[in-house]
């Protein structure tokens, strides 16, 4: 994958929150590969983002704050909305108040209701589909009001931690056939590719080449979960015919999922940063990380 965006700015100091997660670990890799050395990678054990004193101390002196910390248990948020919102909403509000325009915050398509049929523009009004989305919308509003940057992503997978691609390969080893949902559409997005995009946006922000606001960090193109599962099988040299289409009502979940998660990428124009590549190209590049 070619370099994205402006070259490193000398002397930048970086803070990554949620550094132990899938995206946080990829951000550390991207920064190391690009020669950045002044990086604080704070895991949940290192930094409580709900604590004002800890946040103020951590943010002090940082040129860029990349917030990947989040409550990611979407179904658990339905019964634990206050706890989810404390992380995804109120803690992000605290970060935004302290970091202001230095904050690059990762958010989600779940702040929309999933009823669109064409790629969702960056300035679309919030219409959260579930409790998780309501909390994330609170965080987004605080970041935008403070002059920071929101980067929404969707259908994220990567080398570290549980995700759909790894699940499909695990199931392929134990089942003859898999029934996979074919009535939800989205852009499978490799977390390493997103990490590169976030670093490029950070540098553009410091250089004054990217205006604050909402951006969409998702792959080009779209497919269904069924289509992604078949692609995973093909990339792994397995028979994609083992994957069979089904509907969402076969797998009821506590939290509603959006039927359509495809996001527009218009705001990258003028930043010097190209939108992310097509989802299938990303999957092809990422697959060696998942195979023996």
C-alpha atoms as a PDB file:
ATOM      1  CA  UNK A   1       0.000   0.000   0.000  1.00  0.00           C
ATOM      2  CA  UNK A   2       1.571   3.344  -1.009  1.00  0.00           C
ATOM      3  CA  UNK A   3       2.183   6.094   1.537  1.00  0.00           C
ATOM      4  CA  UNK A   4      -0.847   8.290   2.223  1.00  0.00           C
ATOM      5  CA  UNK A   5      -0.851  12.019   2.829  1.00  0.00           C
ATOM      6  CA  UNK A   6       1.850  14.471   3.891  1.00  0.00           C
ATOM      7  CA  UNK A   7       5.298  13.388   5.057  1.00  0.00           C
ATOM      8  CA  UNK A   8       6.042  13.303   8.794  1.00  0.00           C
ATOM      9  CA  UNK A   9       6.280  16.671  10.505  1.00  0.00           C
ATOM     10  CA  UNK A  10       9.359  17.018  12.653  1.00  0.00           C
ATOM     11  CA  UNK A  11       8.963  16.850  16.395  1.00  0.00           C
ATOM     12  CA  UNK A  12       5.328  15.728  16.680  1.00  0.00           C
ATOM     13  CA  UNK A  13       4.295  14.187  19.966  1.00  0.00           C
ATOM     14  CA  UNK A  14       1.550  11.568  19.727  1.00  0.00           C
ATOM     15  CA  UNK A  15      -0.869  10.113  22.278  1.00  0.00           C
ATOM     16  CA  UNK A  16      -2.840   6.992  21.391  1.00  0.00           C
ATOM     17  CA  UNK A  17      -5.675   6.039  23.733  1.00  0.00           C
ATOM     18  CA  UNK A  18      -7.024   2.503  23.630  1.00  0.00           C
ATOM     19  CA  UNK A  19      -3.595   1.421  22.423  1.00  0.00           C
ATOM     20  CA  UNK A  20      -4.139  -2.231  23.348  1.00  0.00           C
ATOM     21  CA  UNK A  21      -6.962  -2.695  20.855  1.00  0.00           C
ATOM     22  CA  UNK A  22      -6.905  -3.758  17.225  1.00  0.00           C
ATOM     23  CA  UNK A  23      -6.723  -0.259  15.763  1.00  0.00           C
ATOM     24  CA  UNK A  24      -4.514   1.097  18.537  1.00  0.00           C
ATOM     25  CA  UNK A  25      -1.904  -1.571  17.894  1.00  0.00           C
ATOM     26  CA  UNK A  26      -1.954  -0.886  14.162  1.00  0.00           C
ATOM     27  CA  UNK A  27      -1.513   2.831  14.828  1.00  0.00           C
ATOM     28  CA  UNK A  28       1.618   2.053  16.826  1.00  0.00           C
ATOM     29  CA  UNK A  29       2.937  -0.014  13.911  1.00  0.00           C
ATOM     30  CA  UNK A  30       2.227   2.711  11.349  1.00  0.00           C
ATOM     31  CA  UNK A  31       3.872   5.407  13.456  1.00  0.00           C
ATOM     32  CA  UNK A  32       6.942   3.231  14.045  1.00  0.00           C
ATOM     33  CA  UNK A  33       7.213   2.407  10.333  1.00  0.00           C
ATOM     34  CA  UNK A  34       7.056   6.093   9.460  1.00  0.00           C
ATOM     35  CA  UNK A  35       9.863   6.981  11.857  1.00  0.00           C
ATOM     36  CA  UNK A  36       7.833   8.569  14.651  1.00  0.00           C
ATOM     37  CA  UNK A  37       9.512   8.046  18.017  1.00  0.00           C
ATOM     38  CA  UNK A  38       7.685  10.388  20.413  1.00  0.00           C
ATOM     39  CA  UNK A  39       4.614   8.204  20.891  1.00  0.00           C
ATOM     40  CA  UNK A  40       2.723   7.458  24.108  1.00  0.00           C
ATOM     41  CA  UNK A  41       0.588   4.359  23.613  1.00  0.00           C
ATOM     42  CA  UNK A  42      -1.847   4.300  26.536  1.00  0.00           C
ATOM     43  CA  UNK A  43      -3.850   1.146  27.171  1.00  0.00           C
ATOM     44  CA  UNK A  44      -6.929   1.025  29.374  1.00  0.00           C
ATOM     45  CA  UNK A  45      -4.661   0.034  32.268  1.00  0.00           C
ATOM     46  CA  UNK A  46      -2.440   3.064  31.637  1.00  0.00           C
ATOM     47  CA  UNK A  47      -5.140   5.719  31.250  1.00  0.00           C
ATOM     48  CA  UNK A  48      -8.693   6.000  32.542  1.00  0.00           C
ATOM     49  CA  UNK A  49     -10.276   8.322  29.978  1.00  0.00           C
ATOM     50  CA  UNK A  50     -13.160   9.032  32.369  1.00  0.00           C
ATOM     51  CA  UNK A  51     -10.771  10.602  34.921  1.00  0.00           C
ATOM     52  CA  UNK A  52     -10.238  14.356  34.325  1.00  0.00           C
ATOM     53  CA  UNK A  53      -6.891  14.465  36.137  1.00  0.00           C
ATOM     54  CA  UNK A  54      -5.478  11.479  34.262  1.00  0.00           C
ATOM     55  CA  UNK A  55      -6.718  12.810  30.930  1.00  0.00           C
ATOM     56  CA  UNK A  56      -5.327  16.287  31.522  1.00  0.00           C
ATOM     57  CA  UNK A  57      -1.931  14.887  32.480  1.00  0.00           C
ATOM     58  CA  UNK A  58      -1.857  12.506  29.504  1.00  0.00           C
ATOM     59  CA  UNK A  59      -2.907  15.109  26.936  1.00  0.00           C
ATOM     60  CA  UNK A  60      -0.502  17.784  28.187  1.00  0.00           C
ATOM     61  CA  UNK A  61       2.223  18.339  25.604  1.00  0.00           C
ATOM     62  CA  UNK A  62       0.712  16.079  22.945  1.00  0.00           C
ATOM     63  CA  UNK A  63       0.431  17.520  19.445  1.00  0.00           C
ATOM     64  CA  UNK A  64      -2.002  14.812  18.323  1.00  0.00           C
ATOM     65  CA  UNK A  65      -4.408  12.719  20.408  1.00  0.00           C
ATOM     66  CA  UNK A  66      -5.696   9.656  18.559  1.00  0.00           C
ATOM     67  CA  UNK A  67      -8.656   8.292  20.496  1.00  0.00           C
ATOM     68  CA  UNK A  68      -9.400   4.649  19.759  1.00  0.00           C
ATOM     69  CA  UNK A  69     -10.634   3.833  23.270  1.00  0.00           C
ATOM     70  CA  UNK A  70     -14.257   2.708  23.207  1.00  0.00           C
ATOM     71  CA  UNK A  71     -16.919   0.461  24.655  1.00  0.00           C
ATOM     72  CA  UNK A  72     -17.272  -1.933  21.692  1.00  0.00           C
ATOM     73  CA  UNK A  73     -19.798  -4.435  23.071  1.00  0.00           C
ATOM     74  CA  UNK A  74     -22.716  -3.290  20.917  1.00  0.00           C
ATOM     75  CA  UNK A  75     -25.212  -5.780  22.340  1.00  0.00           C
ATOM     76  CA  UNK A  76     -24.027  -5.184  25.896  1.00  0.00           C
ATOM     77  CA  UNK A  77     -24.771  -1.489  25.495  1.00  0.00           C
ATOM     78  CA  UNK A  78     -28.492  -2.275  25.257  1.00  0.00           C
ATOM     79  CA  UNK A  79     -28.597  -3.305  28.916  1.00  0.00           C
ATOM     80  CA  UNK A  80     -25.600  -1.253  30.032  1.00  0.00           C
ATOM     81  CA  UNK A  81     -26.233   1.995  28.193  1.00  0.00           C
ATOM     82  CA  UNK A  82     -25.061   4.221  31.043  1.00  0.00           C
ATOM     83  CA  UNK A  83     -21.733   2.399  31.215  1.00  0.00           C
ATOM     84  CA  UNK A  84     -21.321   2.414  27.436  1.00  0.00           C
ATOM     85  CA  UNK A  85     -22.153   6.114  27.214  1.00  0.00           C
ATOM     86  CA  UNK A  86     -19.696   6.916  29.999  1.00  0.00           C
ATOM     87  CA  UNK A  87     -16.912   5.668  27.704  1.00  0.00           C
ATOM     88  CA  UNK A  88     -18.235   6.444  24.229  1.00  0.00           C
ATOM     89  CA  UNK A  89     -19.901   9.755  25.061  1.00  0.00           C
ATOM     90  CA  UNK A  90     -18.954  11.441  28.333  1.00  0.00           C
ATOM     91  CA  UNK A  91     -15.274  10.434  28.315  1.00  0.00           C
ATOM     92  CA  UNK A  92     -14.966  11.601  24.709  1.00  0.00           C
ATOM     93  CA  UNK A  93     -16.554  14.911  25.746  1.00  0.00           C
ATOM     94  CA  UNK A  94     -13.848  15.215  28.400  1.00  0.00           C
ATOM     95  CA  UNK A  95     -11.103  14.441  25.866  1.00  0.00           C
ATOM     96  CA  UNK A  96     -12.585  16.977  23.451  1.00  0.00           C
ATOM     97  CA  UNK A  97     -12.724  19.671  26.118  1.00  0.00           C
ATOM     98  CA  UNK A  98      -9.066  19.163  27.011  1.00  0.00           C
ATOM     99  CA  UNK A  99      -7.530  18.293  23.614  1.00  0.00           C
ATOM    100  CA  UNK A 100      -9.718  20.461  21.368  1.00  0.00           C
ATOM    101  CA  UNK A 101      -8.477  20.615  17.786  1.00  0.00           C
ATOM    102  CA  UNK A 102      -5.659  18.167  18.581  1.00  0.00           C
ATOM    103  CA  UNK A 103      -8.163  15.318  18.904  1.00  0.00           C
ATOM    104  CA  UNK A 104      -8.704  12.731  16.160  1.00  0.00           C
ATOM    105  CA  UNK A 105     -11.602  10.598  17.377  1.00  0.00           C
ATOM    106  CA  UNK A 106     -12.682   7.294  15.824  1.00  0.00           C
ATOM    107  CA  UNK A 107     -16.427   6.798  15.569  1.00  0.00           C
ATOM    108  CA  UNK A 108     -18.957   4.594  13.792  1.00  0.00           C
ATOM    109  CA  UNK A 109     -21.714   4.401  11.198  1.00  0.00           C
ATOM    110  CA  UNK A 110     -24.035   3.385  14.062  1.00  0.00           C
ATOM    111  CA  UNK A 111     -24.679   7.088  14.646  1.00  0.00           C
ATOM    112  CA  UNK A 112     -26.993   6.725  11.612  1.00  0.00           C
ATOM    113  CA  UNK A 113     -30.137   4.588  11.330  1.00  0.00           C
ATOM    114  CA  UNK A 114     -28.988   2.403   8.432  1.00  0.00           C
ATOM    115  CA  UNK A 115     -31.982   3.217   6.241  1.00  0.00           C
ATOM    116  CA  UNK A 116     -29.985   4.945   3.468  1.00  0.00           C
ATOM    117  CA  UNK A 117     -29.633   3.391   0.035  1.00  0.00           C
ATOM    118  CA  UNK A 118     -26.739   5.524  -1.255  1.00  0.00           C
ATOM    119  CA  UNK A 119     -23.400   6.389   0.460  1.00  0.00           C
ATOM    120  CA  UNK A 120     -24.067   8.485   3.564  1.00  0.00           C
ATOM    121  CA  UNK A 121     -22.560  12.020   3.450  1.00  0.00           C
ATOM    122  CA  UNK A 122     -20.299  13.215   6.247  1.00  0.00           C
ATOM    123  CA  UNK A 123     -22.717  15.979   7.309  1.00  0.00           C
ATOM    124  CA  UNK A 124     -25.756  13.707   7.677  1.00  0.00           C
ATOM    125  CA  UNK A 125     -27.687  14.365  10.891  1.00  0.00           C
ATOM    126  CA  UNK A 126     -27.326  11.854  13.699  1.00  0.00           C
ATOM    127  CA  UNK A 127     -30.067   9.230  13.957  1.00  0.00           C
ATOM    128  CA  UNK A 128     -28.532   6.524  16.174  1.00  0.00           C
ATOM    129  CA  UNK A 129     -29.809   3.026  15.538  1.00  0.00           C
ATOM    130  CA  UNK A 130     -29.173   1.636  19.051  1.00  0.00           C
ATOM    131  CA  UNK A 131     -27.790   2.420  22.519  1.00  0.00           C
ATOM    132  CA  UNK A 132     -24.209   2.082  21.322  1.00  0.00           C
ATOM    133  CA  UNK A 133     -24.880   4.612  18.567  1.00  0.00           C
ATOM    134  CA  UNK A 134     -26.512   7.045  20.992  1.00  0.00           C
ATOM    135  CA  UNK A 135     -23.406   7.112  23.141  1.00  0.00           C
ATOM    136  CA  UNK A 136     -21.113   7.518  20.149  1.00  0.00           C
ATOM    137  CA  UNK A 137     -23.243  10.409  18.865  1.00  0.00           C
ATOM    138  CA  UNK A 138     -22.777  12.250  22.175  1.00  0.00           C
ATOM    139  CA  UNK A 139     -19.018  11.866  21.796  1.00  0.00           C
ATOM    140  CA  UNK A 140     -19.074  12.996  18.179  1.00  0.00           C
ATOM    141  CA  UNK A 141     -20.991  16.174  18.949  1.00  0.00           C
ATOM    142  CA  UNK A 142     -18.484  17.134  21.637  1.00  0.00           C
ATOM    143  CA  UNK A 143     -15.514  16.589  19.328  1.00  0.00           C
ATOM    144  CA  UNK A 144     -17.077  18.579  16.496  1.00  0.00           C
ATOM    145  CA  UNK A 145     -18.102  21.390  18.836  1.00  0.00           C
ATOM    146  CA  UNK A 146     -14.515  21.585  20.134  1.00  0.00           C
ATOM    147  CA  UNK A 147     -12.992  21.913  16.672  1.00  0.00           C
ATOM    148  CA  UNK A 148     -11.605  18.379  16.539  1.00  0.00           C
ATOM    149  CA  UNK A 149     -11.793  15.601  13.981  1.00  0.00           C
ATOM    150  CA  UNK A 150     -14.217  12.662  13.828  1.00  0.00           C
ATOM    151  CA  UNK A 151     -13.374   9.689  11.619  1.00  0.00           C
ATOM    152  CA  UNK A 152     -16.240   7.233  11.217  1.00  0.00           C
ATOM    153  CA  UNK A 153     -15.442   3.687  10.233  1.00  0.00           C
ATOM    154  CA  UNK A 154     -17.394   0.464   9.726  1.00  0.00           C
ATOM    155  CA  UNK A 155     -16.935  -3.286   9.355  1.00  0.00           C
ATOM    156  CA  UNK A 156     -13.414  -3.140  10.767  1.00  0.00           C
ATOM    157  CA  UNK A 157     -11.161  -6.200  10.821  1.00  0.00           C
ATOM    158  CA  UNK A 158      -7.464  -6.632  11.516  1.00  0.00           C
ATOM    159  CA  UNK A 159      -4.598  -8.738  12.730  1.00  0.00           C
ATOM    160  CA  UNK A 160      -5.218  -8.152  16.434  1.00  0.00           C
ATOM    161  CA  UNK A 161      -8.317  -9.202  18.320  1.00  0.00           C
ATOM    162  CA  UNK A 162     -11.586 -10.874  17.319  1.00  0.00           C
ATOM    163  CA  UNK A 163     -13.197  -9.886  14.022  1.00  0.00           C
ATOM    164  CA  UNK A 164     -15.318 -11.272  11.199  1.00  0.00           C
ATOM    165  CA  UNK A 165     -12.457 -12.423   8.972  1.00  0.00           C
ATOM    166  CA  UNK A 166     -10.829 -14.422  11.743  1.00  0.00           C
ATOM    167  CA  UNK A 167     -14.194 -15.861  12.786  1.00  0.00           C
ATOM    168  CA  UNK A 168     -14.917 -17.086   9.255  1.00  0.00           C
ATOM    169  CA  UNK A 169     -11.567 -18.856   9.049  1.00  0.00           C
ATOM    170  CA  UNK A 170     -12.065 -20.442  12.473  1.00  0.00           C
ATOM    171  CA  UNK A 171     -15.524 -21.701  11.516  1.00  0.00           C
ATOM    172  CA  UNK A 172     -14.242 -22.948   8.171  1.00  0.00           C
ATOM    173  CA  UNK A 173     -11.964 -25.346  10.020  1.00  0.00           C
ATOM    174  CA  UNK A 174     -14.839 -26.960  11.922  1.00  0.00           C
ATOM    175  CA  UNK A 175     -17.938 -26.716   9.699  1.00  0.00           C
ATOM    176  CA  UNK A 176     -18.757 -27.979   6.232  1.00  0.00           C
ATOM    177  CA  UNK A 177     -21.045 -25.030   5.470  1.00  0.00           C
ATOM    178  CA  UNK A 178     -21.687 -21.581   6.951  1.00  0.00           C
ATOM    179  CA  UNK A 179     -24.908 -19.558   6.799  1.00  0.00           C
ATOM    180  CA  UNK A 180     -24.023 -15.856   6.584  1.00  0.00           C
ATOM    181  CA  UNK A 181     -26.269 -12.799   6.498  1.00  0.00           C
ATOM    182  CA  UNK A 182     -26.857 -11.366   3.026  1.00  0.00           C
ATOM    183  CA  UNK A 183     -29.202  -8.458   3.826  1.00  0.00           C
ATOM    184  CA  UNK A 184     -26.731  -6.034   5.436  1.00  0.00           C
ATOM    185  CA  UNK A 185     -24.411  -4.013   3.185  1.00  0.00           C
ATOM    186  CA  UNK A 186     -21.187  -2.329   4.192  1.00  0.00           C
ATOM    187  CA  UNK A 187     -17.506  -1.598   3.424  1.00  0.00           C
ATOM    188  CA  UNK A 188     -15.125  -4.159   4.982  1.00  0.00           C
ATOM    189  CA  UNK A 189     -12.193  -2.050   6.195  1.00  0.00           C
ATOM    190  CA  UNK A 190      -8.720  -3.230   7.223  1.00  0.00           C
ATOM    191  CA  UNK A 191      -7.636  -1.636  10.493  1.00  0.00           C
ATOM    192  CA  UNK A 192      -4.042  -1.174   9.293  1.00  0.00           C
ATOM    193  CA  UNK A 193      -5.251   0.780   6.255  1.00  0.00           C
ATOM    194  CA  UNK A 194      -7.418   2.919   8.534  1.00  0.00           C
ATOM    195  CA  UNK A 195      -4.435   3.498  10.843  1.00  0.00           C
ATOM    196  CA  UNK A 196      -2.441   4.872   7.902  1.00  0.00           C
ATOM    197  CA  UNK A 197      -5.363   7.146   7.038  1.00  0.00           C
ATOM    198  CA  UNK A 198      -5.612   8.446  10.601  1.00  0.00           C
ATOM    199  CA  UNK A 199      -1.899   9.234  10.738  1.00  0.00           C
ATOM    200  CA  UNK A 200      -2.095  10.996   7.384  1.00  0.00           C
ATOM    201  CA  UNK A 201      -5.078  13.047   8.583  1.00  0.00           C
ATOM    202  CA  UNK A 202      -3.219  13.949  11.766  1.00  0.00           C
ATOM    203  CA  UNK A 203      -0.287  15.311   9.812  1.00  0.00           C
ATOM    204  CA  UNK A 204      -2.564  17.190   7.428  1.00  0.00           C
ATOM    205  CA  UNK A 205      -4.370  18.699  10.405  1.00  0.00           C
ATOM    206  CA  UNK A 206      -1.118  19.925  11.948  1.00  0.00           C
ATOM    207  CA  UNK A 207      -0.053  21.350   8.584  1.00  0.00           C
ATOM    208  CA  UNK A 208      -3.377  23.157   8.184  1.00  0.00           C
ATOM    209  CA  UNK A 209      -4.295  21.109   5.110  1.00  0.00           C
ATOM    210  CA  UNK A 210      -7.373  19.380   6.555  1.00  0.00           C
ATOM    211  CA  UNK A 211     -10.266  21.309   8.046  1.00  0.00           C
ATOM    212  CA  UNK A 212     -11.764  20.046  11.341  1.00  0.00           C
ATOM    213  CA  UNK A 213     -14.973  18.059  11.136  1.00  0.00           C
ATOM    214  CA  UNK A 214     -16.216  14.608  10.171  1.00  0.00           C
ATOM    215  CA  UNK A 215     -14.450  12.284   7.734  1.00  0.00           C
ATOM    216  CA  UNK A 216     -15.258   8.735   6.725  1.00  0.00           C
ATOM    217  CA  UNK A 217     -12.505   6.151   7.077  1.00  0.00           C
ATOM    218  CA  UNK A 218     -13.951   3.157   5.245  1.00  0.00           C
ATOM    219  CA  UNK A 219     -12.970   1.127   2.211  1.00  0.00           C
ATOM    220  CA  UNK A 220     -14.259   1.965  -1.240  1.00  0.00           C
ATOM    221  CA  UNK A 221     -17.011  -0.270  -2.571  1.00  0.00           C
ATOM    222  CA  UNK A 222     -19.315  -2.472  -0.533  1.00  0.00           C
ATOM    223  CA  UNK A 223     -20.578  -5.997  -0.116  1.00  0.00           C
ATOM    224  CA  UNK A 224     -22.695  -8.017   2.312  1.00  0.00           C
ATOM    225  CA  UNK A 225     -21.452 -10.191   5.152  1.00  0.00           C
ATOM    226  CA  UNK A 226     -22.190 -13.144   2.869  1.00  0.00           C
ATOM    227  CA  UNK A 227     -20.118 -11.568   0.108  1.00  0.00           C
ATOM    228  CA  UNK A 228     -17.258 -10.881   2.508  1.00  0.00           C
ATOM    229  CA  UNK A 229     -17.342 -14.452   3.826  1.00  0.00           C
ATOM    230  CA  UNK A 230     -17.124 -15.835   0.279  1.00  0.00           C
ATOM    231  CA  UNK A 231     -14.215 -13.500  -0.442  1.00  0.00           C
ATOM    232  CA  UNK A 232     -12.416 -14.697   2.699  1.00  0.00           C
ATOM    233  CA  UNK A 233     -12.855 -18.300   1.581  1.00  0.00           C
ATOM    234  CA  UNK A 234     -11.548 -17.477  -1.889  1.00  0.00           C
ATOM    235  CA  UNK A 235      -8.501 -15.663  -0.507  1.00  0.00           C
ATOM    236  CA  UNK A 236      -7.776 -18.632   1.774  1.00  0.00           C
ATOM    237  CA  UNK A 237      -8.020 -21.136  -1.100  1.00  0.00           C
ATOM    238  CA  UNK A 238     -11.266 -22.611   0.228  1.00  0.00           C
ATOM    239  CA  UNK A 239     -14.469 -23.389  -1.661  1.00  0.00           C
ATOM    240  CA  UNK A 240     -16.702 -20.284  -1.479  1.00  0.00           C
ATOM    241  CA  UNK A 241     -19.681 -22.505  -2.255  1.00  0.00           C
ATOM    242  CA  UNK A 242     -19.520 -23.641   1.372  1.00  0.00           C
ATOM    243  CA  UNK A 243     -20.898 -20.207   2.339  1.00  0.00           C
ATOM    244  CA  UNK A 244     -24.686 -19.935   2.044  1.00  0.00           C
ATOM    245  CA  UNK A 245     -26.784 -16.734   2.182  1.00  0.00           C
ATOM    246  CA  UNK A 246     -29.345 -16.138   4.890  1.00  0.00           C
ATOM    247  CA  UNK A 247     -31.251 -13.232   6.465  1.00  0.00           C
ATOM    248  CA  UNK A 248     -30.727 -11.238   9.643  1.00  0.00           C
ATOM    249  CA  UNK A 249     -33.864 -12.590  11.287  1.00  0.00           C
ATOM    250  CA  UNK A 250     -32.127 -15.957  11.527  1.00  0.00           C
ATOM    251  CA  UNK A 251     -29.655 -14.438  13.993  1.00  0.00           C
ATOM    252  CA  UNK A 252     -31.607 -12.142  16.362  1.00  0.00           C
ATOM    253  CA  UNK A 253     -29.417  -9.801  18.425  1.00  0.00           C
ATOM    254  CA  UNK A 254     -30.267  -7.465  21.340  1.00  0.00           C
ATOM    255  CA  UNK A 255     -29.080  -4.390  19.383  1.00  0.00           C
ATOM    256  CA  UNK A 256     -30.414  -3.431  15.974  1.00  0.00           C
ATOM    257  CA  UNK A 257     -27.847  -3.423  13.165  1.00  0.00           C
ATOM    258  CA  UNK A 258     -27.934  -1.047  10.201  1.00  0.00           C
ATOM    259  CA  UNK A 259     -29.014  -2.566   6.900  1.00  0.00           C
ATOM    260  CA  UNK A 260     -26.775  -0.103   5.056  1.00  0.00           C
ATOM    261  CA  UNK A 261     -23.374   1.073   6.342  1.00  0.00           C
ATOM    262  CA  UNK A 262     -21.808   2.518   3.199  1.00  0.00           C
ATOM    263  CA  UNK A 263     -20.292   5.964   3.827  1.00  0.00           C
ATOM    264  CA  UNK A 264     -19.367   8.800   1.455  1.00  0.00           C
ATOM    265  CA  UNK A 265     -15.723   9.926   1.178  1.00  0.00           C
ATOM    266  CA  UNK A 266     -16.202  13.392  -0.325  1.00  0.00           C
ATOM    267  CA  UNK A 267     -14.416  15.342   2.439  1.00  0.00           C
ATOM    268  CA  UNK A 268     -11.007  13.818   1.656  1.00  0.00           C
ATOM    269  CA  UNK A 269     -10.939  15.957  -1.479  1.00  0.00           C
ATOM    270  CA  UNK A 270      -8.542  18.842  -0.982  1.00  0.00           C
ATOM    271  CA  UNK A 271      -6.655  17.304   1.945  1.00  0.00           C
ATOM    272  CA  UNK A 272      -3.965  15.690  -0.174  1.00  0.00           C
ATOM    273  CA  UNK A 273      -5.084  12.313   1.202  1.00  0.00           C
ATOM    274  CA  UNK A 274      -6.650   9.726  -1.074  1.00  0.00           C
ATOM    275  CA  UNK A 275      -9.680   7.787   0.202  1.00  0.00           C
ATOM    276  CA  UNK A 276      -9.005   4.208   1.227  1.00  0.00           C
ATOM    277  CA  UNK A 277      -8.701   1.548  -1.511  1.00  0.00           C
ATOM    278  CA  UNK A 278     -11.451  -0.881  -2.523  1.00  0.00           C
ATOM    279  CA  UNK A 279     -12.422  -3.382   0.157  1.00  0.00           C
ATOM    280  CA  UNK A 280     -11.371  -6.393  -1.906  1.00  0.00           C
ATOM    281  CA  UNK A 281      -7.892  -4.986  -2.539  1.00  0.00           C
ATOM    282  CA  UNK A 282      -7.527  -4.381   1.196  1.00  0.00           C
ATOM    283  CA  UNK A 283      -8.627  -7.924   1.979  1.00  0.00           C
ATOM    284  CA  UNK A 284      -6.137  -9.397  -0.489  1.00  0.00           C
ATOM    285  CA  UNK A 285      -3.293  -7.445   1.121  1.00  0.00           C
ATOM    286  CA  UNK A 286      -4.401  -8.272   4.667  1.00  0.00           C
ATOM    287  CA  UNK A 287      -5.093 -12.000   4.255  1.00  0.00           C
ATOM    288  CA  UNK A 288      -1.509 -13.253   4.794  1.00  0.00           C
ATOM    289  CA  UNK A 289      -1.829 -11.981   8.368  1.00  0.00           C
ATOM    290  CA  UNK A 290      -4.639 -14.469   8.963  1.00  0.00           C
ATOM    291  CA  UNK A 291      -3.172 -17.540   7.254  1.00  0.00           C
ATOM    292  CA  UNK A 292      -0.564 -20.025   8.514  1.00  0.00           C
END
